[in-house]
Amino acid sequence: MKHKIAIVGFGGMAEWHYQEIQTMDNLDIAGIWDIREERREYAREKGLHVYKGLEDLLADPETDLVLIATPNDVHKPVAVAAMEAGKNVISEKPITLSSGDLQEMWDASVRTGRFLTVHQNRRWDEDFLTVKKILEEGKLGELFRLESRVHGSRGIPGDWRQEKEHGGGMILDWGVHLLDQILLLSGNVSLRRVYATKTHVTNQLVDDGFRAELEFENGVSVLVEVGTSNFVSLPRWYVLGANGTAIIQDWELHGKIVRASGVDEKDVAPVITAAGLTKTMAPRRDDSIFTEELPRVESDVRDFYKNVMAVLEGREESLIRLPEVMRVMKLMEAIEKSADAGEVVAFEP
């Protein structure tokens, strides 16, 4: 079955979608609309149909999907209008600015019977899928600590992401990805407490970075961190279990797993460190540990679109469910609340 998609907003992320869709057999771009003339002209140069306006796009009887790739504050009104016009909707992340807005969008989906989802593309990141595989295989023993971070050194991009009214800031921009990944890894385990701080190194209007400490019911603690003024990046992932540690340095999957071999070290010899002796921090003997390469998990982000089309055809359930999206949205709100108040915030009962 052939599907046609219309794109609202034709900036950088929409062009990424355009490139991906070109490689798919059963999905065509019907056209685009952007409020900026230069982007409309750019689309024409690519041979794309340019609608006369949003109403023209929503009235096109040939399209069954609308992709919203606008600034964040525009997602909700366009999504609701599209669903009321009989279109199914894919929103870029974050799906909207608040849990209240998301509930309105969800209600519109139920009312109109149209499918609503969000492009959580980082679920297909291979570094994330590698961590997921390590945990599923129990390679490290019982998990007790997990750290997930992304670091850059260029500050916030000089566009609407710097402006609060448009949904700027790193909690909404990158937090939505990292928190979604963490909640997927935690499964159905309740998240009890949240403590967060924000940074304003390069921007006073929105956060240009944040740190969130999450405490789960099973005792696992998680650090989620985003920074935009980090000239030396810390590891993308650092995973600690009772019997081993995994480190993933970057998206290219440089890293390793170090695990206990099962050999008991009964007589640990002290070592000299700086100005003193220590047994506690003495390195393990080579025969008591072993190092192995990270497992590689290959993925194809086009599976997102394949799933969307399968949902529309009644062949599959959505891989990205609105209750999951709502949980992430409420967690971002809890992080904002904790950082603003300087207090620990209770999250789930």
C-alpha atoms as a PDB file:
ATOM      1  CA  MET A   1       0.000   0.000   0.000  1.00  0.00           C
ATOM      2  CA  LYS A   2       1.365   3.420  -0.963  1.00  0.00           C
ATOM      3  CA  HIS A   3       1.231   6.222   1.596  1.00  0.00           C
ATOM      4  CA  LYS A   4       1.666   9.945   1.040  1.00  0.00           C
ATOM      5  CA  ILE A   5       3.012  12.339   3.624  1.00  0.00           C
ATOM      6  CA  ALA A   6       2.842  16.140   3.755  1.00  0.00           C
ATOM      7  CA  ILE A   7       5.496  18.019   5.723  1.00  0.00           C
ATOM      8  CA  VAL A   8       4.793  21.132   7.785  1.00  0.00           C
ATOM      9  CA  GLY A   9       8.042  23.032   8.326  1.00  0.00           C
ATOM     10  CA  PHE A  10      10.975  22.374   6.016  1.00  0.00           C
ATOM     11  CA  GLY A  11      14.030  23.137   8.123  1.00  0.00           C
ATOM     12  CA  GLY A  12      17.021  20.963   8.916  1.00  0.00           C
ATOM     13  CA  MET A  13      15.171  18.104  10.612  1.00  0.00           C
ATOM     14  CA  ALA A  14      12.507  17.989   7.901  1.00  0.00           C
ATOM     15  CA  GLU A  15      15.238  17.700   5.299  1.00  0.00           C
ATOM     16  CA  TRP A  16      16.645  14.730   7.214  1.00  0.00           C
ATOM     17  CA  HIS A  17      13.191  13.124   6.970  1.00  0.00           C
ATOM     18  CA  TYR A  18      13.110  13.986   3.266  1.00  0.00           C
ATOM     19  CA  GLN A  19      16.399  12.131   2.709  1.00  0.00           C
ATOM     20  CA  GLU A  20      15.185   9.051   4.591  1.00  0.00           C
ATOM     21  CA  ILE A  21      11.816   8.941   2.820  1.00  0.00           C
ATOM     22  CA  GLN A  22      13.561   9.001  -0.561  1.00  0.00           C
ATOM     23  CA  THR A  23      14.944   5.537   0.207  1.00  0.00           C
ATOM     24  CA  MET A  24      11.547   3.987   0.986  1.00  0.00           C
ATOM     25  CA  ASP A  25       9.385   2.166  -1.549  1.00  0.00           C
ATOM     26  CA  ASN A  26       5.895   2.711  -0.161  1.00  0.00           C
ATOM     27  CA  LEU A  27       6.029   6.275   1.122  1.00  0.00           C
ATOM     28  CA  ASP A  28       6.006   9.427  -1.006  1.00  0.00           C
ATOM     29  CA  ILE A  29       6.154  13.105  -0.100  1.00  0.00           C
ATOM     30  CA  ALA A  30       3.029  14.862  -1.361  1.00  0.00           C
ATOM     31  CA  GLY A  31       4.425  18.303  -0.639  1.00  0.00           C
ATOM     32  CA  ILE A  32       5.554  20.764   2.010  1.00  0.00           C
ATOM     33  CA  TRP A  33       4.554  24.023   3.622  1.00  0.00           C
ATOM     34  CA  ASP A  34       6.894  26.407   5.438  1.00  0.00           C
ATOM     35  CA  ILE A  35       6.169  29.980   6.525  1.00  0.00           C
ATOM     36  CA  ARG A  36       9.568  31.071   5.194  1.00  0.00           C
ATOM     37  CA  GLU A  37       9.759  31.848   1.477  1.00  0.00           C
ATOM     38  CA  GLU A  38      13.421  30.807   1.240  1.00  0.00           C
ATOM     39  CA  ARG A  39      12.558  27.307   2.470  1.00  0.00           C
ATOM     40  CA  ARG A  40       9.606  27.070   0.109  1.00  0.00           C
ATOM     41  CA  GLU A  41      11.891  28.044  -2.779  1.00  0.00           C
ATOM     42  CA  TYR A  42      14.474  25.493  -1.612  1.00  0.00           C
ATOM     43  CA  ALA A  43      11.775  22.797  -1.660  1.00  0.00           C
ATOM     44  CA  ARG A  44      10.770  23.796  -5.188  1.00  0.00           C
ATOM     45  CA  GLU A  45      14.398  23.463  -6.280  1.00  0.00           C
ATOM     46  CA  LYS A  46      14.276  19.874  -5.014  1.00  0.00           C
ATOM     47  CA  GLY A  47      11.215  19.237  -7.145  1.00  0.00           C
ATOM     48  CA  LEU A  48       8.777  19.137  -4.234  1.00  0.00           C
ATOM     49  CA  HIS A  49       5.238  20.436  -4.427  1.00  0.00           C
ATOM     50  CA  VAL A  50       4.751  23.502  -2.239  1.00  0.00           C
ATOM     51  CA  TYR A  51       1.277  24.060  -0.837  1.00  0.00           C
ATOM     52  CA  LYS A  52      -0.324  27.512  -0.794  1.00  0.00           C
ATOM     53  CA  GLY A  53      -0.626  27.352   2.966  1.00  0.00           C
ATOM     54  CA  LEU A  54      -1.455  25.055   5.887  1.00  0.00           C
ATOM     55  CA  GLU A  55      -5.143  24.907   4.980  1.00  0.00           C
ATOM     56  CA  ASP A  56      -4.242  23.860   1.427  1.00  0.00           C
ATOM     57  CA  LEU A  57      -1.984  21.122   2.803  1.00  0.00           C
ATOM     58  CA  LEU A  58      -4.636  19.786   5.186  1.00  0.00           C
ATOM     59  CA  ALA A  59      -7.249  19.785   2.418  1.00  0.00           C
ATOM     60  CA  ASP A  60      -5.195  17.542   0.140  1.00  0.00           C
ATOM     61  CA  PRO A  61      -7.235  14.324  -0.225  1.00  0.00           C
ATOM     62  CA  GLU A  62      -4.166  12.385  -1.416  1.00  0.00           C
ATOM     63  CA  THR A  63      -2.302  12.539   1.907  1.00  0.00           C
ATOM     64  CA  ASP A  64      -2.910  10.272   4.873  1.00  0.00           C
ATOM     65  CA  LEU A  65       0.039  11.452   6.980  1.00  0.00           C
ATOM     66  CA  VAL A  66       1.262  14.841   8.178  1.00  0.00           C
ATOM     67  CA  LEU A  67       4.760  15.289   9.567  1.00  0.00           C
ATOM     68  CA  ILE A  68       5.186  18.308  11.859  1.00  0.00           C
ATOM     69  CA  ALA A  69       8.777  19.588  11.871  1.00  0.00           C
ATOM     70  CA  THR A  70       8.221  23.108  13.171  1.00  0.00           C
ATOM     71  CA  PRO A  71       9.437  24.849  16.341  1.00  0.00           C
ATOM     72  CA  ASN A  72       8.090  23.026  19.394  1.00  0.00           C
ATOM     73  CA  ASP A  73       5.338  25.489  20.309  1.00  0.00           C
ATOM     74  CA  VAL A  74       3.614  24.944  16.949  1.00  0.00           C
ATOM     75  CA  HIS A  75       3.311  21.156  17.279  1.00  0.00           C
ATOM     76  CA  LYS A  76       0.033  21.083  19.214  1.00  0.00           C
ATOM     77  CA  PRO A  77      -2.130  23.437  17.136  1.00  0.00           C
ATOM     78  CA  VAL A  78      -0.967  21.924  13.844  1.00  0.00           C
ATOM     79  CA  ALA A  79      -1.425  18.357  15.121  1.00  0.00           C
ATOM     80  CA  VAL A  80      -4.961  19.022  16.355  1.00  0.00           C
ATOM     81  CA  ALA A  81      -5.912  20.779  13.118  1.00  0.00           C
ATOM     82  CA  ALA A  82      -4.451  17.925  11.068  1.00  0.00           C
ATOM     83  CA  MET A  83      -6.332  15.240  12.991  1.00  0.00           C
ATOM     84  CA  GLU A  84      -9.572  17.212  12.724  1.00  0.00           C
ATOM     85  CA  ALA A  85      -8.929  17.339   8.967  1.00  0.00           C
ATOM     86  CA  GLY A  86      -8.762  13.538   8.921  1.00  0.00           C
ATOM     87  CA  LYS A  87      -4.979  13.173   8.805  1.00  0.00           C
ATOM     88  CA  ASN A  88      -2.742  10.912  10.851  1.00  0.00           C
ATOM     89  CA  VAL A  89       0.094  12.787  12.544  1.00  0.00           C
ATOM     90  CA  ILE A  90       3.800  12.337  13.191  1.00  0.00           C
ATOM     91  CA  SER A  91       5.232  15.105  15.358  1.00  0.00           C
ATOM     92  CA  GLU A  92       8.907  15.803  15.755  1.00  0.00           C
ATOM     93  CA  LYS A  93      10.109  15.597  19.328  1.00  0.00           C
ATOM     94  CA  PRO A  94       9.210  16.817  21.849  1.00  0.00           C
ATOM     95  CA  ILE A  95       5.625  16.134  20.918  1.00  0.00           C
ATOM     96  CA  THR A  96       4.614  19.386  22.652  1.00  0.00           C
ATOM     97  CA  LEU A  97       5.551  21.655  25.562  1.00  0.00           C
ATOM     98  CA  SER A  98       3.594  20.219  28.500  1.00  0.00           C
ATOM     99  CA  SER A  99       1.625  17.240  29.716  1.00  0.00           C
ATOM    100  CA  GLY A 100      -1.545  19.342  29.552  1.00  0.00           C
ATOM    101  CA  ASP A 101      -0.936  20.093  25.878  1.00  0.00           C
ATOM    102  CA  LEU A 102      -0.201  16.436  25.226  1.00  0.00           C
ATOM    103  CA  GLN A 103      -3.497  15.437  26.833  1.00  0.00           C
ATOM    104  CA  GLU A 104      -5.341  17.790  24.454  1.00  0.00           C
ATOM    105  CA  MET A 105      -3.565  16.182  21.490  1.00  0.00           C
ATOM    106  CA  TRP A 106      -4.322  12.701  22.827  1.00  0.00           C
ATOM    107  CA  ASP A 107      -7.988  13.628  23.286  1.00  0.00           C
ATOM    108  CA  ALA A 108      -8.100  14.898  19.700  1.00  0.00           C
ATOM    109  CA  SER A 109      -6.648  11.586  18.496  1.00  0.00           C
ATOM    110  CA  VAL A 110      -9.349   9.653  20.349  1.00  0.00           C
ATOM    111  CA  ARG A 111     -12.100  12.028  19.194  1.00  0.00           C
ATOM    112  CA  THR A 112     -11.138  11.898  15.518  1.00  0.00           C
ATOM    113  CA  GLY A 113      -9.910   8.300  15.384  1.00  0.00           C
ATOM    114  CA  ARG A 114      -6.628   9.477  13.858  1.00  0.00           C
ATOM    115  CA  PHE A 115      -3.221   8.039  14.723  1.00  0.00           C
ATOM    116  CA  LEU A 116      -0.835  10.322  16.642  1.00  0.00           C
ATOM    117  CA  THR A 117       2.807   9.547  17.331  1.00  0.00           C
ATOM    118  CA  VAL A 118       6.146  11.266  17.880  1.00  0.00           C
ATOM    119  CA  HIS A 119       9.457  10.732  16.112  1.00  0.00           C
ATOM    120  CA  GLN A 120      11.527   9.371  19.018  1.00  0.00           C
ATOM    121  CA  ASN A 121      14.325   8.447  16.621  1.00  0.00           C
ATOM    122  CA  ARG A 122      16.937   7.952  19.352  1.00  0.00           C
ATOM    123  CA  ARG A 123      15.272   4.655  20.208  1.00  0.00           C
ATOM    124  CA  TRP A 124      17.182   3.389  17.170  1.00  0.00           C
ATOM    125  CA  ASP A 125      20.591   4.699  18.310  1.00  0.00           C
ATOM    126  CA  GLU A 126      22.997   1.771  18.316  1.00  0.00           C
ATOM    127  CA  ASP A 127      24.759   2.918  21.508  1.00  0.00           C
ATOM    128  CA  PHE A 128      21.411   2.779  23.341  1.00  0.00           C
ATOM    129  CA  LEU A 129      20.553  -0.618  21.848  1.00  0.00           C
ATOM    130  CA  THR A 130      23.984  -1.902  22.899  1.00  0.00           C
ATOM    131  CA  VAL A 131      23.349  -0.881  26.519  1.00  0.00           C
ATOM    132  CA  LYS A 132      19.925  -2.514  26.312  1.00  0.00           C
ATOM    133  CA  LYS A 133      21.505  -5.754  25.108  1.00  0.00           C
ATOM    134  CA  ILE A 134      24.166  -5.701  27.858  1.00  0.00           C
ATOM    135  CA  LEU A 135      21.483  -5.326  30.513  1.00  0.00           C
ATOM    136  CA  GLU A 136      19.182  -7.943  28.992  1.00  0.00           C
ATOM    137  CA  GLU A 137      22.038 -10.467  28.949  1.00  0.00           C
ATOM    138  CA  GLY A 138      22.959  -9.689  32.562  1.00  0.00           C
ATOM    139  CA  LYS A 139      26.597  -9.317  31.626  1.00  0.00           C
ATOM    140  CA  LEU A 140      27.405  -7.012  34.540  1.00  0.00           C
ATOM    141  CA  GLY A 141      25.445  -8.739  37.276  1.00  0.00           C
ATOM    142  CA  GLU A 142      22.866  -6.745  39.206  1.00  0.00           C
ATOM    143  CA  LEU A 143      22.682  -3.173  37.919  1.00  0.00           C
ATOM    144  CA  PHE A 144      23.061  -0.459  40.542  1.00  0.00           C
ATOM    145  CA  ARG A 145      24.137   2.676  38.624  1.00  0.00           C
ATOM    146  CA  LEU A 146      23.718   3.992  35.099  1.00  0.00           C
ATOM    147  CA  GLU A 147      24.953   7.267  33.600  1.00  0.00           C
ATOM    148  CA  SER A 148      23.779   8.688  30.280  1.00  0.00           C
ATOM    149  CA  ARG A 149      25.031  11.967  28.889  1.00  0.00           C
ATOM    150  CA  VAL A 150      25.648  14.026  25.795  1.00  0.00           C
ATOM    151  CA  HIS A 151      28.182  16.834  25.749  1.00  0.00           C
ATOM    152  CA  GLY A 152      28.940  19.572  23.263  1.00  0.00           C
ATOM    153  CA  SER A 153      30.868  22.829  23.401  1.00  0.00           C
ATOM    154  CA  ARG A 154      29.006  25.171  21.035  1.00  0.00           C
ATOM    155  CA  GLY A 155      26.184  26.339  23.294  1.00  0.00           C
ATOM    156  CA  ILE A 156      22.583  26.319  22.078  1.00  0.00           C
ATOM    157  CA  PRO A 157      22.085  26.690  18.311  1.00  0.00           C
ATOM    158  CA  GLY A 158      21.364  30.305  17.365  1.00  0.00           C
ATOM    159  CA  ASP A 159      17.724  29.791  16.455  1.00  0.00           C
ATOM    160  CA  TRP A 160      14.362  29.333  18.179  1.00  0.00           C
ATOM    161  CA  ARG A 161      15.963  26.800  20.560  1.00  0.00           C
ATOM    162  CA  GLN A 162      17.271  29.809  22.506  1.00  0.00           C
ATOM    163  CA  GLU A 163      13.759  31.126  23.142  1.00  0.00           C
ATOM    164  CA  LYS A 164      11.480  29.865  25.912  1.00  0.00           C
ATOM    165  CA  GLU A 165       8.243  30.777  24.128  1.00  0.00           C
ATOM    166  CA  HIS A 166       9.149  28.427  21.284  1.00  0.00           C
ATOM    167  CA  GLY A 167      10.033  25.538  23.598  1.00  0.00           C
ATOM    168  CA  GLY A 168      13.779  26.051  23.669  1.00  0.00           C
ATOM    169  CA  GLY A 169      16.290  24.639  26.122  1.00  0.00           C
ATOM    170  CA  MET A 170      18.149  21.381  26.480  1.00  0.00           C
ATOM    171  CA  ILE A 171      15.631  19.585  28.696  1.00  0.00           C
ATOM    172  CA  LEU A 172      13.133  19.632  25.837  1.00  0.00           C
ATOM    173  CA  ASP A 173      15.734  19.315  23.075  1.00  0.00           C
ATOM    174  CA  TRP A 174      17.952  16.474  24.320  1.00  0.00           C
ATOM    175  CA  GLY A 175      16.411  15.506  27.643  1.00  0.00           C
ATOM    176  CA  VAL A 176      13.384  14.133  25.800  1.00  0.00           C
ATOM    177  CA  HIS A 177      15.668  11.589  24.082  1.00  0.00           C
ATOM    178  CA  LEU A 178      17.817  10.533  27.022  1.00  0.00           C
ATOM    179  CA  LEU A 179      14.902  10.276  29.450  1.00  0.00           C
ATOM    180  CA  ASP A 180      12.881   8.246  26.962  1.00  0.00           C
ATOM    181  CA  GLN A 181      15.792   5.812  26.673  1.00  0.00           C
ATOM    182  CA  ILE A 182      16.198   5.517  30.448  1.00  0.00           C
ATOM    183  CA  LEU A 183      12.506   4.856  31.034  1.00  0.00           C
ATOM    184  CA  LEU A 184      12.554   2.171  28.340  1.00  0.00           C
ATOM    185  CA  LEU A 185      15.537   0.515  30.025  1.00  0.00           C
ATOM    186  CA  SER A 186      13.800   0.636  33.422  1.00  0.00           C
ATOM    187  CA  GLY A 187      10.671  -1.098  32.138  1.00  0.00           C
ATOM    188  CA  ASN A 188       7.797  -1.035  34.599  1.00  0.00           C
ATOM    189  CA  VAL A 189       9.945  -0.122  37.621  1.00  0.00           C
ATOM    190  CA  SER A 190       8.586   2.995  39.334  1.00  0.00           C
ATOM    191  CA  LEU A 191      10.705   6.130  39.436  1.00  0.00           C
ATOM    192  CA  ARG A 192      10.503   7.394  43.006  1.00  0.00           C
ATOM    193  CA  ARG A 193      12.523  10.608  43.245  1.00  0.00           C
ATOM    194  CA  VAL A 194      14.066  13.229  40.990  1.00  0.00           C
ATOM    195  CA  TYR A 195      16.701  15.822  41.807  1.00  0.00           C
ATOM    196  CA  ALA A 196      17.923  18.168  39.082  1.00  0.00           C
ATOM    197  CA  THR A 197      19.979  21.262  38.382  1.00  0.00           C
ATOM    198  CA  LYS A 198      20.124  23.448  35.269  1.00  0.00           C
ATOM    199  CA  THR A 199      22.925  25.528  33.785  1.00  0.00           C
ATOM    200  CA  HIS A 200      22.732  28.952  32.128  1.00  0.00           C
ATOM    201  CA  VAL A 201      26.296  29.408  30.906  1.00  0.00           C
ATOM    202  CA  THR A 202      25.465  30.784  27.469  1.00  0.00           C
ATOM    203  CA  ASN A 203      21.770  31.589  27.781  1.00  0.00           C
ATOM    204  CA  GLN A 204      19.768  33.093  30.641  1.00  0.00           C
ATOM    205  CA  LEU A 205      16.323  32.535  29.111  1.00  0.00           C
ATOM    206  CA  VAL A 206      16.423  28.742  28.758  1.00  0.00           C
ATOM    207  CA  ASP A 207      18.604  26.000  30.162  1.00  0.00           C
ATOM    208  CA  ASP A 208      21.719  25.249  28.130  1.00  0.00           C
ATOM    209  CA  GLY A 209      22.333  22.084  30.128  1.00  0.00           C
ATOM    210  CA  PHE A 210      21.031  20.036  33.050  1.00  0.00           C
ATOM    211  CA  ARG A 211      21.836  17.169  35.419  1.00  0.00           C
ATOM    212  CA  ALA A 212      19.120  14.898  36.772  1.00  0.00           C
ATOM    213  CA  GLU A 213      19.582  12.217  39.425  1.00  0.00           C
ATOM    214  CA  LEU A 214      16.822   9.604  39.224  1.00  0.00           C
ATOM    215  CA  GLU A 215      16.134   7.054  41.975  1.00  0.00           C
ATOM    216  CA  PHE A 216      14.117   3.987  41.014  1.00  0.00           C
ATOM    217  CA  GLU A 217      12.112   1.698  43.273  1.00  0.00           C
ATOM    218  CA  ASN A 218      14.549  -1.203  42.763  1.00  0.00           C
ATOM    219  CA  GLY A 219      17.460   0.877  44.107  1.00  0.00           C
ATOM    220  CA  VAL A 220      19.041   1.678  40.748  1.00  0.00           C
ATOM    221  CA  SER A 221      20.286   5.247  40.510  1.00  0.00           C
ATOM    222  CA  VAL A 222      20.599   7.020  37.161  1.00  0.00           C
ATOM    223  CA  LEU A 223      22.377  10.190  36.133  1.00  0.00           C
ATOM    224  CA  VAL A 224      21.142  11.956  33.004  1.00  0.00           C
ATOM    225  CA  GLU A 225      23.241  14.892  31.883  1.00  0.00           C
ATOM    226  CA  VAL A 226      23.248  17.288  28.932  1.00  0.00           C
ATOM    227  CA  GLY A 227      25.909  19.962  28.538  1.00  0.00           C
ATOM    228  CA  THR A 228      26.652  22.465  25.797  1.00  0.00           C
ATOM    229  CA  SER A 229      29.781  24.075  27.277  1.00  0.00           C
ATOM    230  CA  ASN A 230      31.877  20.931  27.721  1.00  0.00           C
ATOM    231  CA  PHE A 231      35.145  21.108  25.802  1.00  0.00           C
ATOM    232  CA  VAL A 232      36.106  17.627  27.042  1.00  0.00           C
ATOM    233  CA  SER A 233      33.219  15.175  26.761  1.00  0.00           C
ATOM    234  CA  LEU A 234      32.614  12.531  29.405  1.00  0.00           C
ATOM    235  CA  PRO A 235      31.458   9.044  28.319  1.00  0.00           C
ATOM    236  CA  ARG A 236      28.128   8.702  26.527  1.00  0.00           C
ATOM    237  CA  TRP A 237      27.267   5.733  28.791  1.00  0.00           C
ATOM    238  CA  TYR A 238      28.757   4.393  32.033  1.00  0.00           C
ATOM    239  CA  VAL A 239      27.017   1.269  33.346  1.00  0.00           C
ATOM    240  CA  LEU A 240      27.825  -0.294  36.719  1.00  0.00           C
ATOM    241  CA  GLY A 241      26.801  -3.747  37.873  1.00  0.00           C
ATOM    242  CA  ALA A 242      27.841  -5.861  40.852  1.00  0.00           C
ATOM    243  CA  ASN A 243      30.180  -7.947  38.681  1.00  0.00           C
ATOM    244  CA  GLY A 244      31.356  -5.578  35.990  1.00  0.00           C
ATOM    245  CA  THR A 245      31.365  -2.211  34.276  1.00  0.00           C
ATOM    246  CA  ALA A 246      30.617  -1.130  30.715  1.00  0.00           C
ATOM    247  CA  ILE A 247      31.726   2.138  29.163  1.00  0.00           C
ATOM    248  CA  ILE A 248      30.653   3.587  25.824  1.00  0.00           C
ATOM    249  CA  GLN A 249      32.587   6.697  24.959  1.00  0.00           C
ATOM    250  CA  ASP A 250      30.624   7.999  21.997  1.00  0.00           C
ATOM    251  CA  TRP A 251      28.073   7.309  19.273  1.00  0.00           C
ATOM    252  CA  GLU A 252      30.722   5.384  17.337  1.00  0.00           C
ATOM    253  CA  LEU A 253      30.706   2.763  20.130  1.00  0.00           C
ATOM    254  CA  HIS A 254      34.267   3.110  21.320  1.00  0.00           C
ATOM    255  CA  GLY A 255      34.364   1.388  24.674  1.00  0.00           C
ATOM    256  CA  LYS A 256      34.597  -1.922  26.495  1.00  0.00           C
ATOM    257  CA  ILE A 257      33.202  -4.226  29.146  1.00  0.00           C
ATOM    258  CA  VAL A 258      35.330  -5.261  32.134  1.00  0.00           C
ATOM    259  CA  ARG A 259      34.000  -8.127  34.241  1.00  0.00           C
ATOM    260  CA  ALA A 260      35.059 -10.180  37.229  1.00  0.00           C
ATOM    261  CA  SER A 261      36.428 -13.584  36.232  1.00  0.00           C
ATOM    262  CA  GLY A 262      35.262 -15.359  39.360  1.00  0.00           C
ATOM    263  CA  VAL A 263      38.745 -15.635  40.884  1.00  0.00           C
ATOM    264  CA  ASP A 264      38.648 -14.470  44.500  1.00  0.00           C
ATOM    265  CA  GLU A 265      41.306 -11.978  45.568  1.00  0.00           C
ATOM    266  CA  LYS A 266      41.809 -12.731  49.246  1.00  0.00           C
ATOM    267  CA  ASP A 267      45.157 -11.077  49.909  1.00  0.00           C
ATOM    268  CA  VAL A 268      45.210  -7.670  48.304  1.00  0.00           C
ATOM    269  CA  ALA A 269      48.583  -5.957  48.486  1.00  0.00           C
ATOM    270  CA  PRO A 270      48.488  -2.214  49.287  1.00  0.00           C
ATOM    271  CA  VAL A 271      49.682   0.186  46.586  1.00  0.00           C
ATOM    272  CA  ILE A 272      51.246   3.607  46.895  1.00  0.00           C
ATOM    273  CA  THR A 273      48.984   6.365  45.577  1.00  0.00           C
ATOM    274  CA  ALA A 274      50.074   9.999  45.754  1.00  0.00           C
ATOM    275  CA  ALA A 275      51.103  10.506  49.393  1.00  0.00           C
ATOM    276  CA  GLY A 276      49.796   7.313  50.952  1.00  0.00           C
ATOM    277  CA  LEU A 277      48.943   3.611  50.818  1.00  0.00           C
ATOM    278  CA  THR A 278      45.600   2.058  49.893  1.00  0.00           C
ATOM    279  CA  LYS A 279      44.161  -1.418  49.723  1.00  0.00           C
ATOM    280  CA  THR A 280      40.684  -0.230  48.803  1.00  0.00           C
ATOM    281  CA  MET A 281      41.733   1.338  45.503  1.00  0.00           C
ATOM    282  CA  ALA A 282      44.420  -1.187  44.592  1.00  0.00           C
ATOM    283  CA  PRO A 283      43.957  -2.455  41.024  1.00  0.00           C
ATOM    284  CA  ARG A 284      42.670  -5.971  40.498  1.00  0.00           C
ATOM    285  CA  ARG A 285      45.028  -8.762  39.460  1.00  0.00           C
ATOM    286  CA  ASP A 286      44.880  -9.614  35.780  1.00  0.00           C
ATOM    287  CA  ASP A 287      43.587 -13.112  36.514  1.00  0.00           C
ATOM    288  CA  SER A 288      40.576 -11.772  38.428  1.00  0.00           C
ATOM    289  CA  ILE A 289      39.087  -9.729  35.555  1.00  0.00           C
ATOM    290  CA  PHE A 290      38.663  -9.971  31.804  1.00  0.00           C
ATOM    291  CA  THR A 291      37.908  -7.394  29.167  1.00  0.00           C
ATOM    292  CA  GLU A 292      35.631  -7.900  26.188  1.00  0.00           C
ATOM    293  CA  GLU A 293      34.378  -5.866  23.275  1.00  0.00           C
ATOM    294  CA  LEU A 294      30.982  -4.255  23.305  1.00  0.00           C
ATOM    295  CA  PRO A 295      28.227  -6.228  21.590  1.00  0.00           C
ATOM    296  CA  ARG A 296      27.133  -4.514  18.385  1.00  0.00           C
ATOM    297  CA  VAL A 297      23.432  -4.043  17.678  1.00  0.00           C
ATOM    298  CA  GLU A 298      22.627  -2.804  14.199  1.00  0.00           C
ATOM    299  CA  SER A 299      19.477  -0.806  13.557  1.00  0.00           C
ATOM    300  CA  ASP A 300      17.656   1.085  10.832  1.00  0.00           C
ATOM    301  CA  VAL A 301      15.766   4.226  11.851  1.00  0.00           C
ATOM    302  CA  ARG A 302      13.507   3.757   8.826  1.00  0.00           C
ATOM    303  CA  ASP A 303      11.839   1.040  10.901  1.00  0.00           C
ATOM    304  CA  PHE A 304      10.031   3.943  12.576  1.00  0.00           C
ATOM    305  CA  TYR A 305       8.247   4.788   9.344  1.00  0.00           C
ATOM    306  CA  LYS A 306       7.679   1.131   8.503  1.00  0.00           C
ATOM    307  CA  ASN A 307       5.925   0.730  11.854  1.00  0.00           C
ATOM    308  CA  VAL A 308       3.801   3.857  11.325  1.00  0.00           C
ATOM    309  CA  MET A 309       2.570   2.527   7.993  1.00  0.00           C
ATOM    310  CA  ALA A 310       1.925  -0.909   9.482  1.00  0.00           C
ATOM    311  CA  VAL A 311      -0.169   0.749  12.209  1.00  0.00           C
ATOM    312  CA  LEU A 312      -2.223   2.601   9.597  1.00  0.00           C
ATOM    313  CA  GLU A 313      -2.774  -0.679   7.754  1.00  0.00           C
ATOM    314  CA  GLY A 314      -3.807  -2.489  10.942  1.00  0.00           C
ATOM    315  CA  ARG A 315      -0.854  -4.895  10.870  1.00  0.00           C
ATOM    316  CA  GLU A 316       1.114  -3.755  13.949  1.00  0.00           C
ATOM    317  CA  GLU A 317       0.840  -1.891  17.216  1.00  0.00           C
ATOM    318  CA  SER A 318       2.697   1.397  17.509  1.00  0.00           C
ATOM    319  CA  LEU A 319       6.265   1.104  18.779  1.00  0.00           C
ATOM    320  CA  ILE A 320       5.924   4.517  20.424  1.00  0.00           C
ATOM    321  CA  ARG A 321       2.916   4.596  22.699  1.00  0.00           C
ATOM    322  CA  LEU A 322       1.306   7.763  24.018  1.00  0.00           C
ATOM    323  CA  PRO A 323       1.419   6.610  27.679  1.00  0.00           C
ATOM    324  CA  GLU A 324       5.217   6.317  27.297  1.00  0.00           C
ATOM    325  CA  VAL A 325       5.354   9.774  25.728  1.00  0.00           C
ATOM    326  CA  MET A 326       3.263  11.191  28.582  1.00  0.00           C
ATOM    327  CA  ARG A 327       5.564   9.640  31.196  1.00  0.00           C
ATOM    328  CA  VAL A 328       8.586  11.305  29.597  1.00  0.00           C
ATOM    329  CA  MET A 329       6.756  14.637  29.399  1.00  0.00           C
ATOM    330  CA  LYS A 330       5.843  14.496  33.085  1.00  0.00           C
ATOM    331  CA  LEU A 331       9.424  13.561  33.967  1.00  0.00           C
ATOM    332  CA  MET A 332      10.738  16.623  32.094  1.00  0.00           C
ATOM    333  CA  GLU A 333       8.284  18.733  34.070  1.00  0.00           C
ATOM    334  CA  ALA A 334       9.509  17.160  37.326  1.00  0.00           C
ATOM    335  CA  ILE A 335      13.099  17.978  36.357  1.00  0.00           C
ATOM    336  CA  GLU A 336      12.149  21.609  35.699  1.00  0.00           C
ATOM    337  CA  LYS A 337      10.307  21.754  39.026  1.00  0.00           C
ATOM    338  CA  SER A 338      13.213  20.237  40.974  1.00  0.00           C
ATOM    339  CA  ALA A 339      15.803  22.505  39.363  1.00  0.00           C
ATOM    340  CA  ASP A 340      13.728  25.649  39.906  1.00  0.00           C
ATOM    341  CA  ALA A 341      12.958  24.799  43.546  1.00  0.00           C
ATOM    342  CA  GLY A 342      16.326  23.227  44.409  1.00  0.00           C
ATOM    343  CA  GLU A 343      14.484  20.303  45.966  1.00  0.00           C
ATOM    344  CA  VAL A 344      13.971  16.564  45.532  1.00  0.00           C
ATOM    345  CA  VAL A 345      10.676  15.919  43.767  1.00  0.00           C
ATOM    346  CA  ALA A 346       8.566  12.785  44.283  1.00  0.00           C
ATOM    347  CA  PHE A 347       7.566  11.345  40.933  1.00  0.00           C
ATOM    348  CA  GLU A 348       5.628   8.057  40.962  1.00  0.00           C
ATOM    349  CA  PRO A 349       3.877   6.465  43.957  1.00  0.00           C
END
